[in-house]
């Protein structure tokens, strides 16, 4: 098995928009391509079941909408 010791970036298309997914040792981040801000989720939140709550809170504070 390969250790995740540095960021891994992948590009994906969601509903006609291009996003960058970054996975690193602290968690993951999904942001629209060319933008710095996005949704960040730590591994701890994901494992504790707080993933939906953390994503909703972050979206509400940044004004992002999920349509």
C-alpha atoms as a PDB file:
ATOM      1  CA  UNK A   1       0.000   0.000   0.000  1.00  0.00           C
ATOM      2  CA  UNK A   2       1.266   3.506  -0.841  1.00  0.00           C
ATOM      3  CA  UNK A   3       1.386   6.134   1.912  1.00  0.00           C
ATOM      4  CA  UNK A   4      -0.299   9.489   1.317  1.00  0.00           C
ATOM      5  CA  UNK A   5       2.613  11.761   2.209  1.00  0.00           C
ATOM      6  CA  UNK A   6       2.002  14.635  -0.215  1.00  0.00           C
ATOM      7  CA  UNK A   7      -1.036  16.190  -1.898  1.00  0.00           C
ATOM      8  CA  UNK A   8      -2.718  14.241  -4.683  1.00  0.00           C
ATOM      9  CA  UNK A   9      -4.705  16.382  -7.138  1.00  0.00           C
ATOM     10  CA  UNK A  10      -7.293  15.246  -9.646  1.00  0.00           C
ATOM     11  CA  UNK A  11      -9.599  17.169 -11.948  1.00  0.00           C
ATOM     12  CA  UNK A  12     -13.244  16.223 -12.324  1.00  0.00           C
ATOM     13  CA  UNK A  13     -16.359  17.505 -14.052  1.00  0.00           C
ATOM     14  CA  UNK A  14     -19.541  17.998 -12.008  1.00  0.00           C
ATOM     15  CA  UNK A  15     -22.696  19.370 -13.648  1.00  0.00           C
ATOM     16  CA  UNK A  16     -20.686  21.016 -16.427  1.00  0.00           C
ATOM     17  CA  UNK A  17     -18.161  22.725 -14.107  1.00  0.00           C
ATOM     18  CA  UNK A  18     -14.545  21.686 -13.657  1.00  0.00           C
ATOM     19  CA  UNK A  19     -13.346  21.082 -10.100  1.00  0.00           C
ATOM     20  CA  UNK A  20     -10.050  20.146  -8.505  1.00  0.00           C
ATOM     21  CA  UNK A  21     -10.034  17.511  -5.771  1.00  0.00           C
ATOM     22  CA  UNK A  22      -6.999  17.613  -3.504  1.00  0.00           C
ATOM     23  CA  UNK A  23      -6.397  14.736  -1.102  1.00  0.00           C
ATOM     24  CA  UNK A  24      -3.651  15.110   1.486  1.00  0.00           C
ATOM     25  CA  UNK A  25      -2.727  13.646   4.882  1.00  0.00           C
ATOM     26  CA  UNK A  26      -5.053  16.083   6.710  1.00  0.00           C
ATOM     27  CA  UNK A  27      -8.177  15.550   4.574  1.00  0.00           C
ATOM     28  CA  UNK A  28      -9.650  16.553   1.259  1.00  0.00           C
ATOM     29  CA  UNK A  29     -10.614  19.767  -0.519  1.00  0.00           C
ATOM     30  CA  UNK A  30     -12.920  20.284  -3.485  1.00  0.00           C
ATOM     31  CA  UNK A  31     -12.763  23.627  -5.257  1.00  0.00           C
ATOM     32  CA  UNK A  32     -13.806  25.029  -8.596  1.00  0.00           C
ATOM     33  CA  UNK A  33     -10.869  25.022 -11.001  1.00  0.00           C
ATOM     34  CA  UNK A  34      -8.965  28.294 -10.869  1.00  0.00           C
ATOM     35  CA  UNK A  35     -10.293  29.197  -7.417  1.00  0.00           C
ATOM     36  CA  UNK A  36      -8.614  28.810  -4.058  1.00  0.00           C
ATOM     37  CA  UNK A  37     -11.694  28.586  -1.854  1.00  0.00           C
ATOM     38  CA  UNK A  38     -13.640  25.376  -1.715  1.00  0.00           C
ATOM     39  CA  UNK A  39     -15.098  22.809   0.623  1.00  0.00           C
ATOM     40  CA  UNK A  40     -12.550  21.292   2.992  1.00  0.00           C
ATOM     41  CA  UNK A  41     -13.167  18.166   5.017  1.00  0.00           C
ATOM     42  CA  UNK A  42     -10.748  16.673   7.524  1.00  0.00           C
ATOM     43  CA  UNK A  43     -10.319  12.938   7.918  1.00  0.00           C
ATOM     44  CA  UNK A  44     -11.286  13.263  11.604  1.00  0.00           C
ATOM     45  CA  UNK A  45     -14.638  14.873  10.703  1.00  0.00           C
ATOM     46  CA  UNK A  46     -15.277  12.192   8.108  1.00  0.00           C
ATOM     47  CA  UNK A  47     -14.523   9.357  10.538  1.00  0.00           C
ATOM     48  CA  UNK A  48     -16.585  10.931  13.335  1.00  0.00           C
ATOM     49  CA  UNK A  49     -19.619  11.204  11.100  1.00  0.00           C
ATOM     50  CA  UNK A  50     -19.450  14.998  11.176  1.00  0.00           C
ATOM     51  CA  UNK A  51     -18.810  15.240   7.423  1.00  0.00           C
ATOM     52  CA  UNK A  52     -22.273  16.481   6.420  1.00  0.00           C
ATOM     53  CA  UNK A  53     -22.412  18.934   9.296  1.00  0.00           C
ATOM     54  CA  UNK A  54     -18.926  20.315   8.565  1.00  0.00           C
ATOM     55  CA  UNK A  55     -19.670  20.696   4.833  1.00  0.00           C
ATOM     56  CA  UNK A  56     -23.019  22.404   5.501  1.00  0.00           C
ATOM     57  CA  UNK A  57     -21.475  24.778   8.021  1.00  0.00           C
ATOM     58  CA  UNK A  58     -18.642  25.696   5.693  1.00  0.00           C
ATOM     59  CA  UNK A  59     -21.029  26.242   2.782  1.00  0.00           C
ATOM     60  CA  UNK A  60     -23.262  28.464   4.907  1.00  0.00           C
ATOM     61  CA  UNK A  61     -20.347  30.625   6.030  1.00  0.00           C
ATOM     62  CA  UNK A  62     -18.891  31.038   2.534  1.00  0.00           C
ATOM     63  CA  UNK A  63     -22.209  31.587   0.787  1.00  0.00           C
ATOM     64  CA  UNK A  64     -21.764  28.549  -1.451  1.00  0.00           C
ATOM     65  CA  UNK A  65     -24.775  26.729  -2.799  1.00  0.00           C
ATOM     66  CA  UNK A  66     -25.002  23.112  -3.886  1.00  0.00           C
ATOM     67  CA  UNK A  67     -27.208  23.140  -6.979  1.00  0.00           C
END
